[in-house]
Amino acid sequence: MSDDDQKQTRDDFADAVNMTASALDKWLDTDESKRVGQKSGGSSESTGHESGRHIVRILRKKQGEYTDADYAHMHKVVGYVARHRKQRPKGDVHDTAWRWSLMNWGHDPEAG
């Protein structure tokens, strides 16, 4: 990945992820966080919940510490958030699986 591609990925990730590492880490400990998302391969953890843990690790790193796997995950997060935001249900979304799923990916649609 070129330096320009890395910068674009970091910028897009920063736009998509609007939760801090500590806020996301705290969210991932809630029952609501653990209740939503698809589980695959007999895993007890959803894909989004696992993603959230990776996002927390990324947010706690310095830019120079990012690995190729981190950049690949950032790109995946940007795509997920963009797609999922387009599926917003009508009405109040505060206590919905839609919002909780996005929050597992580091994006709270109710954040300013």
PDB file of N, CA and C in Angstrom:
ATOM      1  N   MET A   1       0.853  -1.176   0.000  1.00  0.00           N
ATOM      2  CA  MET A   1       0.000   0.000   0.000  1.00  0.00           C
ATOM      3  C   MET A   1       0.897   1.237   0.000  1.00  0.00           C
ATOM      4  N   SER A   2       0.639   2.153  -0.904  1.00  0.00           N
ATOM      5  CA  SER A   2       1.460   3.363  -0.998  1.00  0.00           C
ATOM      6  C   SER A   2       1.202   4.280   0.198  1.00  0.00           C
ATOM      7  N   ASP A   3       2.099   5.233   0.399  1.00  0.00           N
ATOM      8  CA  ASP A   3       1.922   6.207   1.478  1.00  0.00           C
ATOM      9  C   ASP A   3       0.618   6.984   1.306  1.00  0.00           C
ATOM     10  N   ASP A   4       0.293   7.328   0.053  1.00  0.00           N
ATOM     11  CA  ASP A   4      -0.951   8.049  -0.213  1.00  0.00           C
ATOM     12  C   ASP A   4      -2.170   7.191   0.130  1.00  0.00           C
ATOM     13  N   ASP A   5      -2.118   5.911  -0.211  1.00  0.00           N
ATOM     14  CA  ASP A   5      -3.217   4.998   0.110  1.00  0.00           C
ATOM     15  C   ASP A   5      -3.367   4.837   1.619  1.00  0.00           C
ATOM     16  N   GLN A   6      -2.225   4.747   2.312  1.00  0.00           N
ATOM     17  CA  GLN A   6      -2.276   4.640   3.765  1.00  0.00           C
ATOM     18  C   GLN A   6      -2.900   5.884   4.378  1.00  0.00           C
ATOM     19  N   LYS A   7      -2.521   7.049   3.884  1.00  0.00           N
ATOM     20  CA  LYS A   7      -3.083   8.295   4.416  1.00  0.00           C
ATOM     21  C   LYS A   7      -4.586   8.354   4.159  1.00  0.00           C
ATOM     22  N   GLN A   8      -5.006   7.978   2.960  1.00  0.00           N
ATOM     23  CA  GLN A   8      -6.441   7.982   2.635  1.00  0.00           C
ATOM     24  C   GLN A   8      -7.194   7.011   3.544  1.00  0.00           C
ATOM     25  N   THR A   9      -6.620   5.847   3.775  1.00  0.00           N
ATOM     26  CA  THR A   9      -7.249   4.859   4.651  1.00  0.00           C
ATOM     27  C   THR A   9      -7.362   5.401   6.072  1.00  0.00           C
ATOM     28  N   ARG A  10      -6.301   6.016   6.570  1.00  0.00           N
ATOM     29  CA  ARG A  10      -6.350   6.605   7.919  1.00  0.00           C
ATOM     30  C   ARG A  10      -7.409   7.691   8.005  1.00  0.00           C
ATOM     31  N   ASP A  11      -7.469   8.548   6.995  1.00  0.00           N
ATOM     32  CA  ASP A  11      -8.458   9.633   6.990  1.00  0.00           C
ATOM     33  C   ASP A  11      -9.883   9.083   6.946  1.00  0.00           C
ATOM     34  N   ASP A  12     -10.119   8.109   6.088  1.00  0.00           N
ATOM     35  CA  ASP A  12     -11.452   7.506   5.972  1.00  0.00           C
ATOM     36  C   ASP A  12     -11.842   6.801   7.272  1.00  0.00           C
ATOM     37  N   PHE A  13     -10.879   6.124   7.881  1.00  0.00           N
ATOM     38  CA  PHE A  13     -11.111   5.441   9.152  1.00  0.00           C
ATOM     39  C   PHE A  13     -11.466   6.449  10.244  1.00  0.00           C
ATOM     40  N   ALA A  14     -10.737   7.550  10.285  1.00  0.00           N
ATOM     41  CA  ALA A  14     -11.006   8.592  11.286  1.00  0.00           C
ATOM     42  C   ALA A  14     -12.401   9.194  11.099  1.00  0.00           C
ATOM     43  N   ASP A  15     -12.853   9.284   9.853  1.00  0.00           N
ATOM     44  CA  ASP A  15     -14.209   9.783   9.582  1.00  0.00           C
ATOM     45  C   ASP A  15     -15.271   8.766   9.994  1.00  0.00           C
ATOM     46  N   ALA A  16     -14.996   7.490   9.797  1.00  0.00           N
ATOM     47  CA  ALA A  16     -15.979   6.445  10.078  1.00  0.00           C
ATOM     48  C   ALA A  16     -16.076   6.119  11.567  1.00  0.00           C
ATOM     49  N   VAL A  17     -14.946   6.094  12.245  1.00  0.00           N
ATOM     50  CA  VAL A  17     -14.912   5.710  13.663  1.00  0.00           C
ATOM     51  C   VAL A  17     -14.992   6.983  14.508  1.00  0.00           C
ATOM     52  N   ASN A  18     -16.147   7.172  15.139  1.00  0.00           N
ATOM     53  CA  ASN A  18     -16.337   8.379  15.937  1.00  0.00           C
ATOM     54  C   ASN A  18     -16.393   8.091  17.436  1.00  0.00           C
ATOM     55  N   MET A  19     -16.004   6.894  17.824  1.00  0.00           N
ATOM     56  CA  MET A  19     -15.925   6.537  19.235  1.00  0.00           C
ATOM     57  C   MET A  19     -14.446   6.470  19.646  1.00  0.00           C
ATOM     58  N   THR A  20     -14.165   6.875  20.873  1.00  0.00           N
ATOM     59  CA  THR A  20     -12.804   6.772  21.381  1.00  0.00           C
ATOM     60  C   THR A  20     -12.508   5.320  21.745  1.00  0.00           C
ATOM     61  N   ALA A  21     -11.242   5.014  21.917  1.00  0.00           N
ATOM     62  CA  ALA A  21     -10.855   3.660  22.315  1.00  0.00           C
ATOM     63  C   ALA A  21     -11.520   3.287  23.636  1.00  0.00           C
ATOM     64  N   SER A  22     -11.523   4.199  24.598  1.00  0.00           N
ATOM     65  CA  SER A  22     -12.099   3.871  25.905  1.00  0.00           C
ATOM     66  C   SER A  22     -13.614   3.715  25.826  1.00  0.00           C
ATOM     67  N   ALA A  23     -14.291   4.569  25.044  1.00  0.00           N
ATOM     68  CA  ALA A  23     -15.748   4.449  24.897  1.00  0.00           C
ATOM     69  C   ALA A  23     -16.118   3.151  24.199  1.00  0.00           C
ATOM     70  N   LEU A  24     -15.365   2.793  23.163  1.00  0.00           N
ATOM     71  CA  LEU A  24     -15.637   1.554  22.442  1.00  0.00           C
ATOM     72  C   LEU A  24     -15.346   0.343  23.326  1.00  0.00           C
ATOM     73  N   ASP A  25     -14.246   0.383  24.053  1.00  0.00           N
ATOM     74  CA  ASP A  25     -13.893  -0.710  24.953  1.00  0.00           C
ATOM     75  C   ASP A  25     -14.995  -0.923  25.999  1.00  0.00           C
ATOM     76  N   LYS A  26     -15.492   0.162  26.559  1.00  0.00           N
ATOM     77  CA  LYS A  26     -16.575   0.087  27.546  1.00  0.00           C
ATOM     78  C   LYS A  26     -17.847  -0.481  26.896  1.00  0.00           C
ATOM     79  N   TRP A  27     -18.168  -0.017  25.681  1.00  0.00           N
ATOM     80  CA  TRP A  27     -19.346  -0.496  24.959  1.00  0.00           C
ATOM     81  C   TRP A  27     -19.260  -2.006  24.709  1.00  0.00           C
ATOM     82  N   LEU A  28     -18.090  -2.490  24.333  1.00  0.00           N
ATOM     83  CA  LEU A  28     -17.923  -3.902  24.000  1.00  0.00           C
ATOM     84  C   LEU A  28     -18.175  -4.820  25.194  1.00  0.00           C
ATOM     85  N   ASP A  29     -18.146  -4.267  26.397  1.00  0.00           N
ATOM     86  CA  ASP A  29     -18.427  -5.052  27.604  1.00  0.00           C
ATOM     87  C   ASP A  29     -19.922  -5.151  27.913  1.00  0.00           C
ATOM     88  N   THR A  30     -20.769  -4.453  27.162  1.00  0.00           N
ATOM     89  CA  THR A  30     -22.200  -4.464  27.461  1.00  0.00           C
ATOM     90  C   THR A  30     -22.890  -5.689  26.858  1.00  0.00           C
ATOM     91  N   ASP A  31     -24.019  -6.047  27.465  1.00  0.00           N
ATOM     92  CA  ASP A  31     -24.822  -7.154  26.944  1.00  0.00           C
ATOM     93  C   ASP A  31     -25.346  -6.836  25.548  1.00  0.00           C
ATOM     94  N   GLU A  32     -25.719  -5.568  25.324  1.00  0.00           N
ATOM     95  CA  GLU A  32     -26.243  -5.171  24.015  1.00  0.00           C
ATOM     96  C   GLU A  32     -25.207  -5.387  22.920  1.00  0.00           C
ATOM     97  N   SER A  33     -23.967  -5.043  23.204  1.00  0.00           N
ATOM     98  CA  SER A  33     -22.893  -5.225  22.233  1.00  0.00           C
ATOM     99  C   SER A  33     -22.712  -6.701  21.887  1.00  0.00           C
ATOM    100  N   LYS A  34     -22.786  -7.529  22.893  1.00  0.00           N
ATOM    101  CA  LYS A  34     -22.549  -8.958  22.688  1.00  0.00           C
ATOM    102  C   LYS A  34     -23.737  -9.668  22.044  1.00  0.00           C
ATOM    103  N   ARG A  35     -24.911  -9.015  22.083  1.00  0.00           N
ATOM    104  CA  ARG A  35     -26.132  -9.630  21.558  1.00  0.00           C
ATOM    105  C   ARG A  35     -26.279  -9.521  20.043  1.00  0.00           C
ATOM    106  N   VAL A  36     -25.653  -8.517  19.426  1.00  0.00           N
ATOM    107  CA  VAL A  36     -25.891  -8.259  18.001  1.00  0.00           C
ATOM    108  C   VAL A  36     -24.764  -8.799  17.131  1.00  0.00           C
ATOM    109  N   GLY A  37     -25.093  -9.004  15.874  1.00  0.00           N
ATOM    110  CA  GLY A  37     -24.091  -9.391  14.890  1.00  0.00           C
ATOM    111  C   GLY A  37     -24.119 -10.857  14.559  1.00  0.00           C
ATOM    112  N   GLN A  38     -23.486 -11.172  13.446  1.00  0.00           N
ATOM    113  CA  GLN A  38     -23.432 -12.546  12.965  1.00  0.00           C
ATOM    114  C   GLN A  38     -22.238 -13.264  13.574  1.00  0.00           C
ATOM    115  N   LYS A  39     -22.498 -14.474  14.000  1.00  0.00           N
ATOM    116  CA  LYS A  39     -21.436 -15.335  14.518  1.00  0.00           C
ATOM    117  C   LYS A  39     -21.165 -16.406  13.464  1.00  0.00           C
ATOM    118  N   SER A  40     -19.905 -16.689  13.228  1.00  0.00           N
ATOM    119  CA  SER A  40     -19.585 -17.686  12.201  1.00  0.00           C
ATOM    120  C   SER A  40     -18.645 -18.736  12.760  1.00  0.00           C
ATOM    121  N   GLY A  41     -18.693 -19.887  12.159  1.00  0.00           N
ATOM    122  CA  GLY A  41     -17.783 -20.962  12.524  1.00  0.00           C
ATOM    123  C   GLY A  41     -17.932 -21.462  13.941  1.00  0.00           C
ATOM    124  N   GLY A  42     -19.128 -21.351  14.507  1.00  0.00           N
ATOM    125  CA  GLY A  42     -19.358 -21.823  15.862  1.00  0.00           C
ATOM    126  C   GLY A  42     -18.788 -20.909  16.936  1.00  0.00           C
ATOM    127  N   SER A  43     -18.323 -19.747  16.534  1.00  0.00           N
ATOM    128  CA  SER A  43     -17.761 -18.793  17.487  1.00  0.00           C
ATOM    129  C   SER A  43     -18.867 -18.187  18.348  1.00  0.00           C
ATOM    130  N   SER A  44     -18.538 -17.895  19.591  1.00  0.00           N
ATOM    131  CA  SER A  44     -19.510 -17.238  20.469  1.00  0.00           C
ATOM    132  C   SER A  44     -19.450 -15.726  20.316  1.00  0.00           C
ATOM    133  N   GLU A  45     -18.455 -15.225  19.587  1.00  0.00           N
ATOM    134  CA  GLU A  45     -18.287 -13.792  19.387  1.00  0.00           C
ATOM    135  C   GLU A  45     -18.671 -13.414  17.960  1.00  0.00           C
ATOM    136  N   SER A  46     -19.445 -12.339  17.831  1.00  0.00           N
ATOM    137  CA  SER A  46     -19.846 -11.894  16.498  1.00  0.00           C
ATOM    138  C   SER A  46     -18.664 -11.255  15.767  1.00  0.00           C
ATOM    139  N   THR A  47     -18.793 -11.191  14.468  1.00  0.00           N
ATOM    140  CA  THR A  47     -17.772 -10.561  13.633  1.00  0.00           C
ATOM    141  C   THR A  47     -17.573  -9.105  14.035  1.00  0.00           C
ATOM    142  N   GLY A  48     -18.687  -8.395  14.281  1.00  0.00           N
ATOM    143  CA  GLY A  48     -18.592  -6.990  14.673  1.00  0.00           C
ATOM    144  C   GLY A  48     -17.929  -6.788  16.021  1.00  0.00           C
ATOM    145  N   HIS A  49     -18.214  -7.674  16.957  1.00  0.00           N
ATOM    146  CA  HIS A  49     -17.605  -7.557  18.284  1.00  0.00           C
ATOM    147  C   HIS A  49     -16.099  -7.779  18.201  1.00  0.00           C
ATOM    148  N   GLU A  50     -15.695  -8.776  17.433  1.00  0.00           N
ATOM    149  CA  GLU A  50     -14.269  -9.022  17.210  1.00  0.00           C
ATOM    150  C   GLU A  50     -13.621  -7.820  16.517  1.00  0.00           C
ATOM    151  N   SER A  51     -14.337  -7.246  15.551  1.00  0.00           N
ATOM    152  CA  SER A  51     -13.850  -6.060  14.849  1.00  0.00           C
ATOM    153  C   SER A  51     -13.638  -4.916  15.837  1.00  0.00           C
ATOM    154  N   GLY A  52     -14.584  -4.746  16.749  1.00  0.00           N
ATOM    155  CA  GLY A  52     -14.470  -3.676  17.737  1.00  0.00           C
ATOM    156  C   GLY A  52     -13.217  -3.803  18.583  1.00  0.00           C
ATOM    157  N   ARG A  53     -12.889  -5.036  18.956  1.00  0.00           N
ATOM    158  CA  ARG A  53     -11.665  -5.239  19.741  1.00  0.00           C
ATOM    159  C   ARG A  53     -10.427  -4.855  18.924  1.00  0.00           C
ATOM    160  N   HIS A  54     -10.437  -5.173  17.619  1.00  0.00           N
ATOM    161  CA  HIS A  54      -9.316  -4.795  16.747  1.00  0.00           C
ATOM    162  C   HIS A  54      -9.258  -3.272  16.605  1.00  0.00           C
ATOM    163  N   ILE A  55     -10.403  -2.630  16.475  1.00  0.00           N
ATOM    164  CA  ILE A  55     -10.442  -1.164  16.363  1.00  0.00           C
ATOM    165  C   ILE A  55      -9.848  -0.518  17.613  1.00  0.00           C
ATOM    166  N   VAL A  56     -10.191  -1.040  18.789  1.00  0.00           N
ATOM    167  CA  VAL A  56      -9.628  -0.503  20.036  1.00  0.00           C
ATOM    168  C   VAL A  56      -8.100  -0.595  19.989  1.00  0.00           C
ATOM    169  N   ARG A  57      -7.578  -1.728  19.555  1.00  0.00           N
ATOM    170  CA  ARG A  57      -6.115  -1.881  19.465  1.00  0.00           C
ATOM    171  C   ARG A  57      -5.519  -0.862  18.494  1.00  0.00           C
ATOM    172  N   ILE A  58      -6.178  -0.652  17.358  1.00  0.00           N
ATOM    173  CA  ILE A  58      -5.693   0.324  16.373  1.00  0.00           C
ATOM    174  C   ILE A  58      -5.697   1.724  16.974  1.00  0.00           C
ATOM    175  N   LEU A  59      -6.804   2.094  17.624  1.00  0.00           N
ATOM    176  CA  LEU A  59      -6.919   3.439  18.186  1.00  0.00           C
ATOM    177  C   LEU A  59      -5.875   3.713  19.271  1.00  0.00           C
ATOM    178  N   ARG A  60      -5.396   2.676  19.902  1.00  0.00           N
ATOM    179  CA  ARG A  60      -4.414   2.844  20.981  1.00  0.00           C
ATOM    180  C   ARG A  60      -2.970   2.841  20.469  1.00  0.00           C
ATOM    181  N   LYS A  61      -2.785   2.613  19.182  1.00  0.00           N
ATOM    182  CA  LYS A  61      -1.449   2.614  18.589  1.00  0.00           C
ATOM    183  C   LYS A  61      -1.094   4.002  18.068  1.00  0.00           C
ATOM    184  N   LYS A  62       0.200   4.204  17.910  1.00  0.00           N
ATOM    185  CA  LYS A  62       0.684   5.372  17.181  1.00  0.00           C
ATOM    186  C   LYS A  62       0.674   5.012  15.699  1.00  0.00           C
ATOM    187  N   GLN A  63       0.541   6.023  14.859  1.00  0.00           N
ATOM    188  CA  GLN A  63       0.453   5.803  13.411  1.00  0.00           C
ATOM    189  C   GLN A  63       1.597   4.945  12.880  1.00  0.00           C
ATOM    190  N   GLY A  64       2.800   5.150  13.362  1.00  0.00           N
ATOM    191  CA  GLY A  64       3.960   4.395  12.892  1.00  0.00           C
ATOM    192  C   GLY A  64       3.939   2.927  13.288  1.00  0.00           C
ATOM    193  N   GLU A  65       3.031   2.554  14.181  1.00  0.00           N
ATOM    194  CA  GLU A  65       2.937   1.167  14.641  1.00  0.00           C
ATOM    195  C   GLU A  65       1.913   0.349  13.853  1.00  0.00           C
ATOM    196  N   TYR A  66       1.176   1.003  12.943  1.00  0.00           N
ATOM    197  CA  TYR A  66       0.149   0.282  12.175  1.00  0.00           C
ATOM    198  C   TYR A  66       0.784  -0.781  11.284  1.00  0.00           C
ATOM    199  N   THR A  67       0.167  -1.952  11.289  1.00  0.00           N
ATOM    200  CA  THR A  67       0.622  -3.058  10.450  1.00  0.00           C
ATOM    201  C   THR A  67      -0.232  -3.114   9.180  1.00  0.00           C
ATOM    202  N   ASP A  68       0.181  -3.955   8.247  1.00  0.00           N
ATOM    203  CA  ASP A  68      -0.631  -4.175   7.047  1.00  0.00           C
ATOM    204  C   ASP A  68      -2.014  -4.699   7.440  1.00  0.00           C
ATOM    205  N   ALA A  69      -2.071  -5.552   8.457  1.00  0.00           N
ATOM    206  CA  ALA A  69      -3.360  -6.080   8.929  1.00  0.00           C
ATOM    207  C   ALA A  69      -4.230  -4.966   9.504  1.00  0.00           C
ATOM    208  N   ASP A  70      -3.610  -3.997  10.169  1.00  0.00           N
ATOM    209  CA  ASP A  70      -4.369  -2.852  10.693  1.00  0.00           C
ATOM    210  C   ASP A  70      -4.965  -2.034   9.550  1.00  0.00           C
ATOM    211  N   TYR A  71      -4.156  -1.776   8.533  1.00  0.00           N
ATOM    212  CA  TYR A  71      -4.668  -1.019   7.386  1.00  0.00           C
ATOM    213  C   TYR A  71      -5.788  -1.781   6.686  1.00  0.00           C
ATOM    214  N   ALA A  72      -5.641  -3.080   6.553  1.00  0.00           N
ATOM    215  CA  ALA A  72      -6.695  -3.887   5.928  1.00  0.00           C
ATOM    216  C   ALA A  72      -7.975  -3.821   6.763  1.00  0.00           C
ATOM    217  N   HIS A  73      -7.827  -3.847   8.085  1.00  0.00           N
ATOM    218  CA  HIS A  73      -9.013  -3.782   8.938  1.00  0.00           C
ATOM    219  C   HIS A  73      -9.648  -2.392   8.873  1.00  0.00           C
ATOM    220  N   MET A  74      -8.829  -1.354   8.858  1.00  0.00           N
ATOM    221  CA  MET A  74      -9.370   0.007   8.726  1.00  0.00           C
ATOM    222  C   MET A  74     -10.216   0.113   7.468  1.00  0.00           C
ATOM    223  N   HIS A  75      -9.709  -0.433   6.382  1.00  0.00           N
ATOM    224  CA  HIS A  75     -10.437  -0.399   5.103  1.00  0.00           C
ATOM    225  C   HIS A  75     -11.763  -1.154   5.227  1.00  0.00           C
ATOM    226  N   LYS A  76     -11.749  -2.294   5.879  1.00  0.00           N
ATOM    227  CA  LYS A  76     -12.958  -3.088   6.095  1.00  0.00           C
ATOM    228  C   LYS A  76     -13.974  -2.310   6.939  1.00  0.00           C
ATOM    229  N   VAL A  77     -13.509  -1.642   7.970  1.00  0.00           N
ATOM    230  CA  VAL A  77     -14.380  -0.851   8.853  1.00  0.00           C
ATOM    231  C   VAL A  77     -15.049   0.273   8.070  1.00  0.00           C
ATOM    232  N   VAL A  78     -14.282   0.974   7.266  1.00  0.00           N
ATOM    233  CA  VAL A  78     -14.824   2.083   6.469  1.00  0.00           C
ATOM    234  C   VAL A  78     -15.954   1.580   5.575  1.00  0.00           C
ATOM    235  N   GLY A  79     -15.738   0.465   4.908  1.00  0.00           N
ATOM    236  CA  GLY A  79     -16.759  -0.101   4.032  1.00  0.00           C
ATOM    237  C   GLY A  79     -17.999  -0.528   4.790  1.00  0.00           C
ATOM    238  N   TYR A  80     -17.804  -1.197   5.929  1.00  0.00           N
ATOM    239  CA  TYR A  80     -18.947  -1.666   6.724  1.00  0.00           C
ATOM    240  C   TYR A  80     -19.791  -0.484   7.192  1.00  0.00           C
ATOM    241  N   VAL A  81     -19.140   0.513   7.768  1.00  0.00           N
ATOM    242  CA  VAL A  81     -19.870   1.670   8.299  1.00  0.00           C
ATOM    243  C   VAL A  81     -20.640   2.370   7.181  1.00  0.00           C
ATOM    244  N   ALA A  82     -20.023   2.554   6.043  1.00  0.00           N
ATOM    245  CA  ALA A  82     -20.687   3.214   4.912  1.00  0.00           C
ATOM    246  C   ALA A  82     -21.924   2.430   4.465  1.00  0.00           C
ATOM    247  N   ARG A  83     -21.787   1.122   4.326  1.00  0.00           N
ATOM    248  CA  ARG A  83     -22.927   0.294   3.895  1.00  0.00           C
ATOM    249  C   ARG A  83     -24.030   0.269   4.944  1.00  0.00           C
ATOM    250  N   HIS A  84     -23.652   0.074   6.183  1.00  0.00           N
ATOM    251  CA  HIS A  84     -24.636  -0.092   7.253  1.00  0.00           C
ATOM    252  C   HIS A  84     -25.403   1.213   7.525  1.00  0.00           C
ATOM    253  N   ARG A  85     -24.726   2.343   7.418  1.00  0.00           N
ATOM    254  CA  ARG A  85     -25.407   3.634   7.649  1.00  0.00           C
ATOM    255  C   ARG A  85     -26.537   3.854   6.648  1.00  0.00           C
ATOM    256  N   LYS A  86     -26.384   3.327   5.449  1.00  0.00           N
ATOM    257  CA  LYS A  86     -27.419   3.488   4.419  1.00  0.00           C
ATOM    258  C   LYS A  86     -28.675   2.683   4.740  1.00  0.00           C
ATOM    259  N   GLN A  87     -28.599   1.763   5.686  1.00  0.00           N
ATOM    260  CA  GLN A  87     -29.729   0.903   6.044  1.00  0.00           C
ATOM    261  C   GLN A  87     -30.464   1.408   7.289  1.00  0.00           C
ATOM    262  N   ARG A  88     -30.278   2.668   7.616  1.00  0.00           N
ATOM    263  CA  ARG A  88     -30.876   3.246   8.829  1.00  0.00           C
ATOM    264  C   ARG A  88     -32.391   3.032   8.844  1.00  0.00           C
ATOM    265  N   PRO A  89     -32.909   2.463   9.932  1.00  0.00           N
ATOM    266  CA  PRO A  89     -34.361   2.294  10.041  1.00  0.00           C
ATOM    267  C   PRO A  89     -35.038   3.631  10.360  1.00  0.00           C
ATOM    268  N   LYS A  90     -36.313   3.695  10.118  1.00  0.00           N
ATOM    269  CA  LYS A  90     -37.071   4.908  10.432  1.00  0.00           C
ATOM    270  C   LYS A  90     -37.295   4.986  11.935  1.00  0.00           C
ATOM    271  N   GLY A  91     -37.469   6.208  12.412  1.00  0.00           N
ATOM    272  CA  GLY A  91     -37.794   6.411  13.817  1.00  0.00           C
ATOM    273  C   GLY A  91     -36.571   6.474  14.711  1.00  0.00           C
ATOM    274  N   ASP A  92     -36.843   6.342  15.995  1.00  0.00           N
ATOM    275  CA  ASP A  92     -35.809   6.408  17.020  1.00  0.00           C
ATOM    276  C   ASP A  92     -34.918   5.168  16.927  1.00  0.00           C
ATOM    277  N   VAL A  93     -33.629   5.370  16.792  1.00  0.00           N
ATOM    278  CA  VAL A  93     -32.704   4.243  16.632  1.00  0.00           C
ATOM    279  C   VAL A  93     -31.895   3.961  17.896  1.00  0.00           C
ATOM    280  N   HIS A  94     -32.180   4.679  18.973  1.00  0.00           N
ATOM    281  CA  HIS A  94     -31.339   4.593  20.169  1.00  0.00           C
ATOM    282  C   HIS A  94     -31.146   3.162  20.662  1.00  0.00           C
ATOM    283  N   ASP A  95     -32.215   2.440  20.855  1.00  0.00           N
ATOM    284  CA  ASP A  95     -32.130   1.070  21.377  1.00  0.00           C
ATOM    285  C   ASP A  95     -32.426   0.040  20.295  1.00  0.00           C
ATOM    286  N   THR A  96     -31.669   0.121  19.205  1.00  0.00           N
ATOM    287  CA  THR A  96     -31.895  -0.810  18.095  1.00  0.00           C
ATOM    288  C   THR A  96     -30.633  -1.621  17.802  1.00  0.00           C
ATOM    289  N   ALA A  97     -30.851  -2.807  17.289  1.00  0.00           N
ATOM    290  CA  ALA A  97     -29.727  -3.650  16.881  1.00  0.00           C
ATOM    291  C   ALA A  97     -28.908  -2.959  15.800  1.00  0.00           C
ATOM    292  N   TRP A  98     -29.574  -2.152  14.966  1.00  0.00           N
ATOM    293  CA  TRP A  98     -28.865  -1.420  13.900  1.00  0.00           C
ATOM    294  C   TRP A  98     -27.799  -0.509  14.503  1.00  0.00           C
ATOM    295  N   ARG A  99     -28.172   0.289  15.507  1.00  0.00           N
ATOM    296  CA  ARG A  99     -27.210   1.196  16.149  1.00  0.00           C
ATOM    297  C   ARG A  99     -26.142   0.405  16.888  1.00  0.00           C
ATOM    298  N   TRP A 100     -26.549  -0.614  17.630  1.00  0.00           N
ATOM    299  CA  TRP A 100     -25.598  -1.385  18.413  1.00  0.00           C
ATOM    300  C   TRP A 100     -24.563  -2.060  17.519  1.00  0.00           C
ATOM    301  N   SER A 101     -24.999  -2.546  16.371  1.00  0.00           N
ATOM    302  CA  SER A 101     -24.074  -3.173  15.439  1.00  0.00           C
ATOM    303  C   SER A 101     -23.050  -2.159  14.934  1.00  0.00           C
ATOM    304  N   LEU A 102     -23.512  -0.982  14.578  1.00  0.00           N
ATOM    305  CA  LEU A 102     -22.580   0.069  14.140  1.00  0.00           C
ATOM    306  C   LEU A 102     -21.602   0.434  15.251  1.00  0.00           C
ATOM    307  N   MET A 103     -22.102   0.483  16.469  1.00  0.00           N
ATOM    308  CA  MET A 103     -21.222   0.828  17.593  1.00  0.00           C
ATOM    309  C   MET A 103     -20.147  -0.236  17.789  1.00  0.00           C
ATOM    310  N   ASN A 104     -20.452  -1.495  17.512  1.00  0.00           N
ATOM    311  CA  ASN A 104     -19.422  -2.531  17.590  1.00  0.00           C
ATOM    312  C   ASN A 104     -18.297  -2.253  16.601  1.00  0.00           C
ATOM    313  N   TRP A 105     -18.623  -1.544  15.518  1.00  0.00           N
ATOM    314  CA  TRP A 105     -17.626  -1.186  14.512  1.00  0.00           C
ATOM    315  C   TRP A 105     -17.072   0.217  14.725  1.00  0.00           C
ATOM    316  N   GLY A 106     -17.320   0.786  15.929  1.00  0.00           N
ATOM    317  CA  GLY A 106     -16.705   2.060  16.298  1.00  0.00           C
ATOM    318  C   GLY A 106     -17.459   3.294  15.873  1.00  0.00           C
ATOM    319  N   HIS A 107     -18.678   3.141  15.352  1.00  0.00           N
ATOM    320  CA  HIS A 107     -19.438   4.293  14.877  1.00  0.00           C
ATOM    321  C   HIS A 107     -20.766   4.386  15.622  1.00  0.00           C
ATOM    322  N   ASP A 108     -20.942   5.471  16.379  1.00  0.00           N
ATOM    323  CA  ASP A 108     -22.221   5.725  17.041  1.00  0.00           C
ATOM    324  C   ASP A 108     -22.987   6.740  16.208  1.00  0.00           C
ATOM    325  N   PRO A 109     -24.083   6.321  15.562  1.00  0.00           N
ATOM    326  CA  PRO A 109     -24.828   7.247  14.705  1.00  0.00           C
ATOM    327  C   PRO A 109     -25.476   8.400  15.472  1.00  0.00           C
ATOM    328  N   GLU A 110     -25.530   8.294  16.788  1.00  0.00           N
ATOM    329  CA  GLU A 110     -26.114   9.380  17.593  1.00  0.00           C
ATOM    330  C   GLU A 110     -25.071  10.386  18.059  1.00  0.00           C
ATOM    331  N   ALA A 111     -23.805  10.119  17.790  1.00  0.00           N
ATOM    332  CA  ALA A 111     -22.748  11.051  18.185  1.00  0.00           C
ATOM    333  C   ALA A 111     -22.782  12.275  17.283  1.00  0.00           C
ATOM    334  N   GLY A 112     -22.436  13.382  17.848  1.00  0.00           N
ATOM    335  CA  GLY A 112     -22.448  14.648  17.126  1.00  0.00           C
ATOM    336  C   GLY A 112     -21.643  14.651  15.914  1.00  0.00           C
TER     337      GLY A 112
END
